[in-house]
Amino acid sequence: TQETELMWVFVHHLEQVLSREYLFEQIIGREYDGLDRAMDL
């Protein structure tokens, strides 16, 4: 489920650079605090 959600965001921005902050808000559902490694993992 997690891989599908992340892949879904990526394919709709194919060949586009997505910031960690944007991905964090899309997948985790809250603002990035600058420390959380959840998105990188």
PDB file of all heavy atoms in Angstrom:
ATOM      1  N   THR A   1       0.834  -1.208   0.000  1.00  0.00           N
ATOM      2  CA  THR A   1       0.000   0.000   0.000  1.00  0.00           C
ATOM      3  C   THR A   1       0.864   1.251   0.000  1.00  0.00           C
ATOM      4  O   THR A   1       0.624   2.191  -0.771  1.00  0.00           O
ATOM      5  CB  THR A   1      -0.929   0.006   1.228  1.00  0.00           C
ATOM      6  OG1 THR A   1      -1.777  -1.140   1.181  1.00  0.00           O
ATOM      7  CG2 THR A   1      -1.785   1.273   1.256  1.00  0.00           C
ATOM      8  N   GLN A   2       1.895   1.269   0.848  1.00  0.00           N
ATOM      9  CA  GLN A   2       2.773   2.431   0.927  1.00  0.00           C
ATOM     10  C   GLN A   2       3.532   2.645  -0.380  1.00  0.00           C
ATOM     11  O   GLN A   2       3.668   3.780  -0.847  1.00  0.00           O
ATOM     12  CB  GLN A   2       3.762   2.245   2.081  1.00  0.00           C
ATOM     13  CG  GLN A   2       3.131   2.254   3.453  1.00  0.00           C
ATOM     14  CD  GLN A   2       2.686   3.635   3.881  1.00  0.00           C
ATOM     15  OE1 GLN A   2       3.411   4.602   3.679  1.00  0.00           O
ATOM     16  NE2 GLN A   2       1.514   3.737   4.473  1.00  0.00           N
ATOM     17  N   GLU A   3       4.021   1.571  -0.977  1.00  0.00           N
ATOM     18  CA  GLU A   3       4.745   1.682  -2.245  1.00  0.00           C
ATOM     19  C   GLU A   3       3.829   2.184  -3.350  1.00  0.00           C
ATOM     20  O   GLU A   3       4.242   2.998  -4.188  1.00  0.00           O
ATOM     21  CB  GLU A   3       5.346   0.331  -2.618  1.00  0.00           C
ATOM     22  CG  GLU A   3       6.491  -0.103  -1.719  1.00  0.00           C
ATOM     23  CD  GLU A   3       6.828  -1.578  -1.849  1.00  0.00           C
ATOM     24  OE1 GLU A   3       6.066  -2.332  -2.500  1.00  0.00           O
ATOM     25  OE2 GLU A   3       7.862  -2.001  -1.282  1.00  0.00           O
ATOM     26  N   THR A   4       2.587   1.711  -3.360  1.00  0.00           N
ATOM     27  CA  THR A   4       1.631   2.148  -4.375  1.00  0.00           C
ATOM     28  C   THR A   4       1.334   3.634  -4.239  1.00  0.00           C
ATOM     29  O   THR A   4       1.299   4.371  -5.232  1.00  0.00           O
ATOM     30  CB  THR A   4       0.317   1.345  -4.262  1.00  0.00           C
ATOM     31  OG1 THR A   4       0.602  -0.042  -4.401  1.00  0.00           O
ATOM     32  CG2 THR A   4      -0.675   1.763  -5.332  1.00  0.00           C
ATOM     33  N   GLU A   5       1.114   4.090  -3.007  1.00  0.00           N
ATOM     34  CA  GLU A   5       0.817   5.504  -2.776  1.00  0.00           C
ATOM     35  C   GLU A   5       1.968   6.394  -3.251  1.00  0.00           C
ATOM     36  O   GLU A   5       1.748   7.427  -3.898  1.00  0.00           O
ATOM     37  CB  GLU A   5       0.539   5.752  -1.297  1.00  0.00           C
ATOM     38  CG  GLU A   5      -0.785   5.166  -0.819  1.00  0.00           C
ATOM     39  CD  GLU A   5      -1.045   5.480   0.641  1.00  0.00           C
ATOM     40  OE1 GLU A   5      -0.138   6.033   1.307  1.00  0.00           O
ATOM     41  OE2 GLU A   5      -2.152   5.186   1.117  1.00  0.00           O
ATOM     42  N   LEU A   6       3.174   6.002  -2.922  1.00  0.00           N
ATOM     43  CA  LEU A   6       4.335   6.798  -3.302  1.00  0.00           C
ATOM     44  C   LEU A   6       4.547   6.745  -4.814  1.00  0.00           C
ATOM     45  O   LEU A   6       4.824   7.773  -5.461  1.00  0.00           O
ATOM     46  CB  LEU A   6       5.576   6.288  -2.561  1.00  0.00           C
ATOM     47  CG  LEU A   6       6.881   7.055  -2.772  1.00  0.00           C
ATOM     48  CD1 LEU A   6       6.694   8.539  -2.516  1.00  0.00           C
ATOM     49  CD2 LEU A   6       7.969   6.482  -1.861  1.00  0.00           C
ATOM     50  N   MET A   7       4.406   5.562  -5.393  1.00  0.00           N
ATOM     51  CA  MET A   7       4.563   5.413  -6.836  1.00  0.00           C
ATOM     52  C   MET A   7       3.505   6.227  -7.579  1.00  0.00           C
ATOM     53  O   MET A   7       3.783   6.812  -8.633  1.00  0.00           O
ATOM     54  CB  MET A   7       4.464   3.934  -7.207  1.00  0.00           C
ATOM     55  CG  MET A   7       4.936   3.599  -8.606  1.00  0.00           C
ATOM     56  SD  MET A   7       6.720   3.800  -8.790  1.00  0.00           S
ATOM     57  CE  MET A   7       6.916   3.379 -10.528  1.00  0.00           C
ATOM     58  N   TRP A   8       2.302   6.280  -7.034  1.00  0.00           N
ATOM     59  CA  TRP A   8       1.204   7.029  -7.651  1.00  0.00           C
ATOM     60  C   TRP A   8       1.551   8.514  -7.763  1.00  0.00           C
ATOM     61  O   TRP A   8       1.255   9.174  -8.768  1.00  0.00           O
ATOM     62  CB  TRP A   8      -0.068   6.818  -6.847  1.00  0.00           C
ATOM     63  CG  TRP A   8      -1.317   7.333  -7.494  1.00  0.00           C
ATOM     64  CD1 TRP A   8      -2.012   8.457  -7.152  1.00  0.00           C
ATOM     65  CD2 TRP A   8      -2.020   6.743  -8.598  1.00  0.00           C
ATOM     66  NE1 TRP A   8      -3.105   8.595  -7.965  1.00  0.00           N
ATOM     67  CE2 TRP A   8      -3.144   7.561  -8.858  1.00  0.00           C
ATOM     68  CE3 TRP A   8      -1.803   5.608  -9.378  1.00  0.00           C
ATOM     69  CZ2 TRP A   8      -4.046   7.278  -9.881  1.00  0.00           C
ATOM     70  CZ3 TRP A   8      -2.712   5.320 -10.398  1.00  0.00           C
ATOM     71  CH2 TRP A   8      -3.809   6.154 -10.644  1.00  0.00           C
ATOM     72  N   VAL A   9       2.156   9.047  -6.719  1.00  0.00           N
ATOM     73  CA  VAL A   9       2.579  10.453  -6.763  1.00  0.00           C
ATOM     74  C   VAL A   9       3.690  10.636  -7.786  1.00  0.00           C
ATOM     75  O   VAL A   9       3.662  11.563  -8.609  1.00  0.00           O
ATOM     76  CB  VAL A   9       3.057  10.920  -5.371  1.00  0.00           C
ATOM     77  CG1 VAL A   9       3.623  12.337  -5.455  1.00  0.00           C
ATOM     78  CG2 VAL A   9       1.912  10.878  -4.367  1.00  0.00           C
ATOM     79  N   PHE A  10       4.669   9.737  -7.781  1.00  0.00           N
ATOM     80  CA  PHE A  10       5.807   9.862  -8.697  1.00  0.00           C
ATOM     81  C   PHE A  10       5.380   9.785 -10.169  1.00  0.00           C
ATOM     82  O   PHE A  10       5.850  10.574 -10.994  1.00  0.00           O
ATOM     83  CB  PHE A  10       6.844   8.770  -8.407  1.00  0.00           C
ATOM     84  CG  PHE A  10       7.894   9.166  -7.414  1.00  0.00           C
ATOM     85  CD1 PHE A  10       8.138   8.389  -6.289  1.00  0.00           C
ATOM     86  CD2 PHE A  10       8.669  10.301  -7.602  1.00  0.00           C
ATOM     87  CE1 PHE A  10       9.115   8.731  -5.369  1.00  0.00           C
ATOM     88  CE2 PHE A  10       9.654  10.667  -6.702  1.00  0.00           C
ATOM     89  CZ  PHE A  10       9.867   9.877  -5.579  1.00  0.00           C
ATOM     90  N   VAL A  11       4.519   8.816 -10.523  1.00  0.00           N
ATOM     91  CA  VAL A  11       4.198   8.641 -11.946  1.00  0.00           C
ATOM     92  C   VAL A  11       3.424   9.828 -12.499  1.00  0.00           C
ATOM     93  O   VAL A  11       3.491  10.119 -13.701  1.00  0.00           O
ATOM     94  CB  VAL A  11       3.413   7.336 -12.206  1.00  0.00           C
ATOM     95  CG1 VAL A  11       4.248   6.126 -11.855  1.00  0.00           C
ATOM     96  CG2 VAL A  11       2.062   7.315 -11.493  1.00  0.00           C
ATOM     97  N   HIS A  12       2.697  10.537 -11.637  1.00  0.00           N
ATOM     98  CA  HIS A  12       1.980  11.711 -12.109  1.00  0.00           C
ATOM     99  C   HIS A  12       2.875  12.947 -12.168  1.00  0.00           C
ATOM    100  O   HIS A  12       2.417  14.040 -12.544  1.00  0.00           O
ATOM    101  CB  HIS A  12       0.755  11.975 -11.237  1.00  0.00           C
ATOM    102  CG  HIS A  12      -0.365  11.012 -11.502  1.00  0.00           C
ATOM    103  ND1 HIS A  12      -0.593   9.894 -10.732  1.00  0.00           N
ATOM    104  CD2 HIS A  12      -1.289  10.974 -12.499  1.00  0.00           C
ATOM    105  CE1 HIS A  12      -1.629   9.228 -11.216  1.00  0.00           C
ATOM    106  NE2 HIS A  12      -2.058   9.852 -12.293  1.00  0.00           N
ATOM    107  N   HIS A  13       4.122  12.774 -11.802  1.00  0.00           N
ATOM    108  CA  HIS A  13       5.134  13.836 -11.949  1.00  0.00           C
ATOM    109  C   HIS A  13       6.391  13.215 -12.565  1.00  0.00           C
ATOM    110  O   HIS A  13       7.505  13.498 -12.145  1.00  0.00           O
ATOM    111  CB  HIS A  13       5.468  14.461 -10.603  1.00  0.00           C
ATOM    112  CG  HIS A  13       4.298  15.123  -9.932  1.00  0.00           C
ATOM    113  ND1 HIS A  13       3.391  14.434  -9.152  1.00  0.00           N
ATOM    114  CD2 HIS A  13       3.872  16.412  -9.937  1.00  0.00           C
ATOM    115  CE1 HIS A  13       2.469  15.275  -8.698  1.00  0.00           C
ATOM    116  NE2 HIS A  13       2.741  16.477  -9.160  1.00  0.00           N
ATOM    117  N   LEU A  14       6.181  12.350 -13.550  1.00  0.00           N
ATOM    118  CA  LEU A  14       7.297  11.643 -14.173  1.00  0.00           C
ATOM    119  C   LEU A  14       8.329  12.624 -14.725  1.00  0.00           C
ATOM    120  O   LEU A  14       7.974  13.623 -15.366  1.00  0.00           O
ATOM    121  CB  LEU A  14       6.770  10.757 -15.304  1.00  0.00           C
ATOM    122  CG  LEU A  14       7.707   9.667 -15.839  1.00  0.00           C
ATOM    123  CD1 LEU A  14       8.025   8.644 -14.750  1.00  0.00           C
ATOM    124  CD2 LEU A  14       7.073   8.971 -17.042  1.00  0.00           C
ATOM    125  N   GLU A  15       9.604  12.331 -14.438  1.00  0.00           N
ATOM    126  CA  GLU A  15      10.731  13.158 -14.882  1.00  0.00           C
ATOM    127  C   GLU A  15      10.745  14.550 -14.243  1.00  0.00           C
ATOM    128  O   GLU A  15      11.433  15.441 -14.709  1.00  0.00           O
ATOM    129  CB  GLU A  15      10.754  13.308 -16.423  1.00  0.00           C
ATOM    130  CG  GLU A  15      10.712  11.996 -17.182  1.00  0.00           C
ATOM    131  CD  GLU A  15      11.972  11.150 -16.995  1.00  0.00           C
ATOM    132  OE1 GLU A  15      12.971  11.662 -16.466  1.00  0.00           O
ATOM    133  OE2 GLU A  15      11.928   9.963 -17.373  1.00  0.00           O
ATOM    134  N   GLN A  16       9.989  14.717 -13.155  1.00  0.00           N
ATOM    135  CA  GLN A  16       9.981  15.988 -12.433  1.00  0.00           C
ATOM    136  C   GLN A  16      10.613  15.794 -11.061  1.00  0.00           C
ATOM    137  O   GLN A  16      10.385  14.782 -10.406  1.00  0.00           O
ATOM    138  CB  GLN A  16       8.558  16.523 -12.255  1.00  0.00           C
ATOM    139  CG  GLN A  16       7.813  16.820 -13.544  1.00  0.00           C
ATOM    140  CD  GLN A  16       6.390  17.261 -13.282  1.00  0.00           C
ATOM    141  OE1 GLN A  16       6.085  17.867 -12.255  1.00  0.00           O
ATOM    142  NE2 GLN A  16       5.496  16.954 -14.208  1.00  0.00           N
ATOM    143  N   VAL A  17      11.379  16.769 -10.623  1.00  0.00           N
ATOM    144  CA  VAL A  17      11.986  16.696  -9.302  1.00  0.00           C
ATOM    145  C   VAL A  17      10.948  17.078  -8.256  1.00  0.00           C
ATOM    146  O   VAL A  17      10.326  18.143  -8.346  1.00  0.00           O
ATOM    147  CB  VAL A  17      13.205  17.635  -9.190  1.00  0.00           C
ATOM    148  CG1 VAL A  17      13.793  17.584  -7.778  1.00  0.00           C
ATOM    149  CG2 VAL A  17      14.265  17.264 -10.221  1.00  0.00           C
ATOM    150  N   LEU A  18      10.749  16.185  -7.278  1.00  0.00           N
ATOM    151  CA  LEU A  18       9.813  16.437  -6.190  1.00  0.00           C
ATOM    152  C   LEU A  18      10.597  16.605  -4.893  1.00  0.00           C
ATOM    153  O   LEU A  18      11.432  15.775  -4.559  1.00  0.00           O
ATOM    154  CB  LEU A  18       8.829  15.269  -6.050  1.00  0.00           C
ATOM    155  CG  LEU A  18       7.985  14.949  -7.293  1.00  0.00           C
ATOM    156  CD1 LEU A  18       7.071  13.756  -7.026  1.00  0.00           C
ATOM    157  CD2 LEU A  18       7.168  16.160  -7.735  1.00  0.00           C
ATOM    158  N   SER A  19      10.323  17.673  -4.192  1.00  0.00           N
ATOM    159  CA  SER A  19      11.064  17.945  -2.961  1.00  0.00           C
ATOM    160  C   SER A  19      10.652  16.985  -1.859  1.00  0.00           C
ATOM    161  O   SER A  19       9.549  16.423  -1.865  1.00  0.00           O
ATOM    162  CB  SER A  19      10.819  19.391  -2.500  1.00  0.00           C
ATOM    163  OG  SER A  19       9.476  19.544  -2.064  1.00  0.00           O
ATOM    164  N   ARG A  20      11.521  16.806  -0.896  1.00  0.00           N
ATOM    165  CA  ARG A  20      11.214  15.977   0.259  1.00  0.00           C
ATOM    166  C   ARG A  20       9.990  16.537   0.987  1.00  0.00           C
ATOM    167  O   ARG A  20       9.127  15.789   1.460  1.00  0.00           O
ATOM    168  CB  ARG A  20      12.410  15.933   1.210  1.00  0.00           C
ATOM    169  CG  ARG A  20      12.166  15.111   2.465  1.00  0.00           C
ATOM    170  CD  ARG A  20      13.322  15.203   3.450  1.00  0.00           C
ATOM    171  NE  ARG A  20      14.497  14.483   2.986  1.00  0.00           N
ATOM    172  CZ  ARG A  20      15.591  15.069   2.500  1.00  0.00           C
ATOM    173  NH1 ARG A  20      15.630  16.397   2.377  1.00  0.00           N
ATOM    174  NH2 ARG A  20      16.620  14.344   2.125  1.00  0.00           N
ATOM    175  N   GLU A  21       9.896  17.872   1.073  1.00  0.00           N
ATOM    176  CA  GLU A  21       8.779  18.499   1.765  1.00  0.00           C
ATOM    177  C   GLU A  21       7.453  18.172   1.083  1.00  0.00           C
ATOM    178  O   GLU A  21       6.455  17.838   1.752  1.00  0.00           O
ATOM    179  CB  GLU A  21       8.970  20.027   1.811  1.00  0.00           C
ATOM    180  CG  GLU A  21      10.121  20.503   2.675  1.00  0.00           C
ATOM    181  CD  GLU A  21      11.491  20.323   2.021  1.00  0.00           C
ATOM    182  OE1 GLU A  21      11.543  20.013   0.806  1.00  0.00           O
ATOM    183  OE2 GLU A  21      12.501  20.500   2.715  1.00  0.00           O
ATOM    184  N   TYR A  22       7.420  18.243  -0.243  1.00  0.00           N
ATOM    185  CA  TYR A  22       6.192  17.941  -0.981  1.00  0.00           C
ATOM    186  C   TYR A  22       5.795  16.478  -0.796  1.00  0.00           C
ATOM    187  O   TYR A  22       4.626  16.172  -0.519  1.00  0.00           O
ATOM    188  CB  TYR A  22       6.397  18.242  -2.464  1.00  0.00           C
ATOM    189  CG  TYR A  22       5.211  17.852  -3.326  1.00  0.00           C
ATOM    190  CD1 TYR A  22       4.079  18.663  -3.386  1.00  0.00           C
ATOM    191  CD2 TYR A  22       5.222  16.669  -4.057  1.00  0.00           C
ATOM    192  CE1 TYR A  22       2.984  18.295  -4.161  1.00  0.00           C
ATOM    193  CE2 TYR A  22       4.131  16.292  -4.830  1.00  0.00           C
ATOM    194  CZ  TYR A  22       3.018  17.122  -4.886  1.00  0.00           C
ATOM    195  OH  TYR A  22       1.933  16.740  -5.642  1.00  0.00           O
ATOM    196  N   LEU A  23       6.749  15.589  -0.951  1.00  0.00           N
ATOM    197  CA  LEU A  23       6.461  14.160  -0.809  1.00  0.00           C
ATOM    198  C   LEU A  23       6.009  13.829   0.605  1.00  0.00           C
ATOM    199  O   LEU A  23       5.095  13.022   0.806  1.00  0.00           O
ATOM    200  CB  LEU A  23       7.701  13.339  -1.181  1.00  0.00           C
ATOM    201  CG  LEU A  23       8.058  13.339  -2.667  1.00  0.00           C
ATOM    202  CD1 LEU A  23       9.455  12.768  -2.872  1.00  0.00           C
ATOM    203  CD2 LEU A  23       7.038  12.538  -3.470  1.00  0.00           C
ATOM    204  N   PHE A  24       6.626  14.453   1.585  1.00  0.00           N
ATOM    205  CA  PHE A  24       6.275  14.208   2.976  1.00  0.00           C
ATOM    206  C   PHE A  24       4.812  14.582   3.220  1.00  0.00           C
ATOM    207  O   PHE A  24       4.050  13.829   3.836  1.00  0.00           O
ATOM    208  CB  PHE A  24       7.192  15.026   3.895  1.00  0.00           C
ATOM    209  CG  PHE A  24       7.154  14.602   5.339  1.00  0.00           C
ATOM    210  CD1 PHE A  24       8.087  13.714   5.830  1.00  0.00           C
ATOM    211  CD2 PHE A  24       6.186  15.099   6.196  1.00  0.00           C
ATOM    212  CE1 PHE A  24       8.057  13.312   7.164  1.00  0.00           C
ATOM    213  CE2 PHE A  24       6.150  14.710   7.526  1.00  0.00           C
ATOM    214  CZ  PHE A  24       7.095  13.819   8.015  1.00  0.00           C
ATOM    215  N   GLU A  25       4.403  15.744   2.727  1.00  0.00           N
ATOM    216  CA  GLU A  25       3.022  16.194   2.930  1.00  0.00           C
ATOM    217  C   GLU A  25       2.040  15.304   2.185  1.00  0.00           C
ATOM    218  O   GLU A  25       0.947  15.017   2.682  1.00  0.00           O
ATOM    219  CB  GLU A  25       2.876  17.647   2.481  1.00  0.00           C
ATOM    220  CG  GLU A  25       3.599  18.632   3.392  1.00  0.00           C
ATOM    221  CD  GLU A  25       3.430  20.069   2.954  1.00  0.00           C
ATOM    222  OE1 GLU A  25       2.626  20.314   2.026  1.00  0.00           O
ATOM    223  OE2 GLU A  25       4.087  20.959   3.531  1.00  0.00           O
ATOM    224  N   GLN A  26       2.410  14.839   0.989  1.00  0.00           N
ATOM    225  CA  GLN A  26       1.527  13.994   0.199  1.00  0.00           C
ATOM    226  C   GLN A  26       1.360  12.611   0.818  1.00  0.00           C
ATOM    227  O   GLN A  26       0.253  12.057   0.838  1.00  0.00           O
ATOM    228  CB  GLN A  26       2.076  13.839  -1.225  1.00  0.00           C
ATOM    229  CG  GLN A  26       2.018  15.101  -2.068  1.00  0.00           C
ATOM    230  CD  GLN A  26       0.602  15.511  -2.406  1.00  0.00           C
ATOM    231  OE1 GLN A  26      -0.196  14.706  -2.856  1.00  0.00           O
ATOM    232  NE2 GLN A  26       0.293  16.774  -2.192  1.00  0.00           N
ATOM    233  N   ILE A  27       2.439  12.032   1.328  1.00  0.00           N
ATOM    234  CA  ILE A  27       2.418  10.638   1.796  1.00  0.00           C
ATOM    235  C   ILE A  27       2.193  10.527   3.300  1.00  0.00           C
ATOM    236  O   ILE A  27       1.382   9.721   3.757  1.00  0.00           O
ATOM    237  CB  ILE A  27       3.732   9.923   1.406  1.00  0.00           C
ATOM    238  CG1 ILE A  27       3.934   9.977  -0.116  1.00  0.00           C
ATOM    239  CG2 ILE A  27       3.713   8.486   1.899  1.00  0.00           C
ATOM    240  CD1 ILE A  27       2.811   9.339  -0.917  1.00  0.00           C
ATOM    241  N   ILE A  28       2.890  11.331   4.092  1.00  0.00           N
ATOM    242  CA  ILE A  28       2.769  11.259   5.544  1.00  0.00           C
ATOM    243  C   ILE A  28       1.542  12.029   6.021  1.00  0.00           C
ATOM    244  O   ILE A  28       0.874  11.638   6.966  1.00  0.00           O
ATOM    245  CB  ILE A  28       4.038  11.791   6.246  1.00  0.00           C
ATOM    246  CG1 ILE A  28       5.282  11.048   5.728  1.00  0.00           C
ATOM    247  CG2 ILE A  28       3.920  11.639   7.761  1.00  0.00           C
ATOM    248  CD1 ILE A  28       5.273   9.565   5.998  1.00  0.00           C
ATOM    249  N   GLY A  29       1.242  13.126   5.337  1.00  0.00           N
ATOM    250  CA  GLY A  29       0.025  13.864   5.648  1.00  0.00           C
ATOM    251  C   GLY A  29       0.191  15.022   6.608  1.00  0.00           C
ATOM    252  O   GLY A  29      -0.775  15.530   7.142  1.00  0.00           O
ATOM    253  N   ARG A  30       1.421  15.434   6.854  1.00  0.00           N
ATOM    254  CA  ARG A  30       1.657  16.606   7.690  1.00  0.00           C
ATOM    255  C   ARG A  30       2.896  17.330   7.191  1.00  0.00           C
ATOM    256  O   ARG A  30       3.652  16.806   6.381  1.00  0.00           O
ATOM    257  CB  ARG A  30       1.804  16.207   9.164  1.00  0.00           C
ATOM    258  CG  ARG A  30       2.839  15.127   9.428  1.00  0.00           C
ATOM    259  CD  ARG A  30       2.799  14.679  10.888  1.00  0.00           C
ATOM    260  NE  ARG A  30       3.563  13.463  11.116  1.00  0.00           N
ATOM    261  CZ  ARG A  30       4.864  13.412  11.352  1.00  0.00           C
ATOM    262  NH1 ARG A  30       5.571  14.539  11.374  1.00  0.00           N
ATOM    263  NH2 ARG A  30       5.483  12.261  11.556  1.00  0.00           N
ATOM    264  N   GLU A  31       3.088  18.547   7.677  1.00  0.00           N
ATOM    265  CA  GLU A  31       4.228  19.339   7.226  1.00  0.00           C
ATOM    266  C   GLU A  31       5.540  18.714   7.687  1.00  0.00           C
ATOM    267  O   GLU A  31       5.637  18.153   8.770  1.00  0.00           O
ATOM    268  CB  GLU A  31       4.123  20.774   7.750  1.00  0.00           C
ATOM    269  CG  GLU A  31       3.007  21.579   7.103  1.00  0.00           C
ATOM    270  CD  GLU A  31       3.049  23.029   7.521  1.00  0.00           C
ATOM    271  OE1 GLU A  31       3.994  23.416   8.256  1.00  0.00           O
ATOM    272  OE2 GLU A  31       2.149  23.785   7.107  1.00  0.00           O
ATOM    273  N   TYR A  32       6.550  18.829   6.830  1.00  0.00           N
ATOM    274  CA  TYR A  32       7.869  18.297   7.146  1.00  0.00           C
ATOM    275  C   TYR A  32       8.532  19.181   8.189  1.00  0.00           C
ATOM    276  O   TYR A  32       8.547  20.411   8.071  1.00  0.00           O
ATOM    277  CB  TYR A  32       8.711  18.259   5.869  1.00  0.00           C
ATOM    278  CG  TYR A  32      10.102  17.708   6.066  1.00  0.00           C
ATOM    279  CD1 TYR A  32      10.307  16.442   6.589  1.00  0.00           C
ATOM    280  CD2 TYR A  32      11.218  18.459   5.710  1.00  0.00           C
ATOM    281  CE1 TYR A  32      11.579  15.936   6.766  1.00  0.00           C
ATOM    282  CE2 TYR A  32      12.498  17.955   5.870  1.00  0.00           C
ATOM    283  CZ  TYR A  32      12.674  16.695   6.398  1.00  0.00           C
ATOM    284  OH  TYR A  32      13.935  16.194   6.564  1.00  0.00           O
ATOM    285  N   ASP A  33       9.088  18.559   9.249  1.00  0.00           N
ATOM    286  CA  ASP A  33       9.687  19.328  10.339  1.00  0.00           C
ATOM    287  C   ASP A  33      11.191  19.512  10.182  1.00  0.00           C
ATOM    288  O   ASP A  33      11.845  20.091  11.055  1.00  0.00           O
ATOM    289  CB  ASP A  33       9.383  18.670  11.684  1.00  0.00           C
ATOM    290  CG  ASP A  33       9.952  17.253  11.797  1.00  0.00           C
ATOM    291  OD1 ASP A  33      10.704  16.833  10.894  1.00  0.00           O
ATOM    292  OD2 ASP A  33       9.638  16.564  12.792  1.00  0.00           O
ATOM    293  N   GLY A  34      11.741  19.011   9.081  1.00  0.00           N
ATOM    294  CA  GLY A  34      13.172  19.160   8.846  1.00  0.00           C
ATOM    295  C   GLY A  34      14.025  18.070   9.452  1.00  0.00           C
ATOM    296  O   GLY A  34      15.228  18.010   9.183  1.00  0.00           O
ATOM    297  N   LEU A  35      13.419  17.196  10.260  1.00  0.00           N
ATOM    298  CA  LEU A  35      14.182  16.157  10.957  1.00  0.00           C
ATOM    299  C   LEU A  35      13.689  14.747  10.660  1.00  0.00           C
ATOM    300  O   LEU A  35      14.483  13.807  10.642  1.00  0.00           O
ATOM    301  CB  LEU A  35      14.118  16.395  12.478  1.00  0.00           C
ATOM    302  CG  LEU A  35      14.680  17.727  12.994  1.00  0.00           C
ATOM    303  CD1 LEU A  35      14.387  17.880  14.479  1.00  0.00           C
ATOM    304  CD2 LEU A  35      16.165  17.828  12.728  1.00  0.00           C
ATOM    305  N   ASP A  36      12.419  14.586  10.444  1.00  0.00           N
ATOM    306  CA  ASP A  36      11.815  13.256  10.281  1.00  0.00           C
ATOM    307  C   ASP A  36      12.372  12.556   9.040  1.00  0.00           C
ATOM    308  O   ASP A  36      12.359  13.104   7.941  1.00  0.00           O
ATOM    309  CB  ASP A  36      10.298  13.415  10.150  1.00  0.00           C
ATOM    310  CG  ASP A  36       9.558  12.126  10.476  1.00  0.00           C
ATOM    311  OD1 ASP A  36      10.002  11.074   9.974  1.00  0.00           O
ATOM    312  OD2 ASP A  36       8.555  12.182  11.192  1.00  0.00           O
ATOM    313  N   ARG A  37      12.820  11.316   9.219  1.00  0.00           N
ATOM    314  CA  ARG A  37      13.417  10.558   8.110  1.00  0.00           C
ATOM    315  C   ARG A  37      12.424   9.622   7.426  1.00  0.00           C
ATOM    316  O   ARG A  37      12.805   8.837   6.563  1.00  0.00           O
ATOM    317  CB  ARG A  37      14.594   9.725   8.640  1.00  0.00           C
ATOM    318  CG  ARG A  37      15.760  10.554   9.174  1.00  0.00           C
ATOM    319  CD  ARG A  37      16.923   9.646   9.483  1.00  0.00           C
ATOM    320  NE  ARG A  37      17.357   8.891   8.320  1.00  0.00           N
ATOM    321  CZ  ARG A  37      18.127   7.804   8.376  1.00  0.00           C
ATOM    322  NH1 ARG A  37      18.507   7.342   9.551  1.00  0.00           N
ATOM    323  NH2 ARG A  37      18.489   7.182   7.280  1.00  0.00           N
ATOM    324  N   ALA A  38      11.172   9.716   7.806  1.00  0.00           N
ATOM    325  CA  ALA A  38      10.180   8.770   7.284  1.00  0.00           C
ATOM    326  C   ALA A  38      10.142   8.754   5.768  1.00  0.00           C
ATOM    327  O   ALA A  38      10.085   7.692   5.137  1.00  0.00           O
ATOM    328  CB  ALA A  38       8.795   9.101   7.842  1.00  0.00           C
ATOM    329  N   MET A  39      10.174   9.938   5.152  1.00  0.00           N
ATOM    330  CA  MET A  39      10.056   9.996   3.696  1.00  0.00           C
ATOM    331  C   MET A  39      11.271   9.386   3.014  1.00  0.00           C
ATOM    332  O   MET A  39      11.144   8.640   2.041  1.00  0.00           O
ATOM    333  CB  MET A  39       9.879  11.452   3.245  1.00  0.00           C
ATOM    334  CG  MET A  39       9.287  11.593   1.855  1.00  0.00           C
ATOM    335  SD  MET A  39       7.607  10.953   1.836  1.00  0.00           S
ATOM    336  CE  MET A  39       7.802   9.416   0.986  1.00  0.00           C
ATOM    337  N   ASP A  40      12.445   9.688   3.517  1.00  0.00           N
ATOM    338  CA  ASP A  40      13.666   9.127   2.930  1.00  0.00           C
ATOM    339  C   ASP A  40      13.654   7.603   2.989  1.00  0.00           C
ATOM    340  O   ASP A  40      14.065   6.929   2.046  1.00  0.00           O
ATOM    341  CB  ASP A  40      14.909   9.652   3.663  1.00  0.00           C
ATOM    342  CG  ASP A  40      15.092  11.148   3.491  1.00  0.00           C
ATOM    343  OD1 ASP A  40      14.802  11.650   2.392  1.00  0.00           O
ATOM    344  OD2 ASP A  40      15.507  11.807   4.454  1.00  0.00           O
ATOM    345  N   LEU A  41      13.158   7.058   4.092  1.00  0.00           N
ATOM    346  CA  LEU A  41      13.122   5.606   4.251  1.00  0.00           C
ATOM    347  C   LEU A  41      12.128   4.969   3.293  1.00  0.00           C
ATOM    348  O   LEU A  41      12.390   3.904   2.718  1.00  0.00           O
ATOM    349  CB  LEU A  41      12.760   5.259   5.694  1.00  0.00           C
ATOM    350  CG  LEU A  41      13.801   5.665   6.744  1.00  0.00           C
ATOM    351  CD1 LEU A  41      13.227   5.551   8.147  1.00  0.00           C
ATOM    352  CD2 LEU A  41      15.056   4.807   6.612  1.00  0.00           C
TER     353      LEU A  41
END
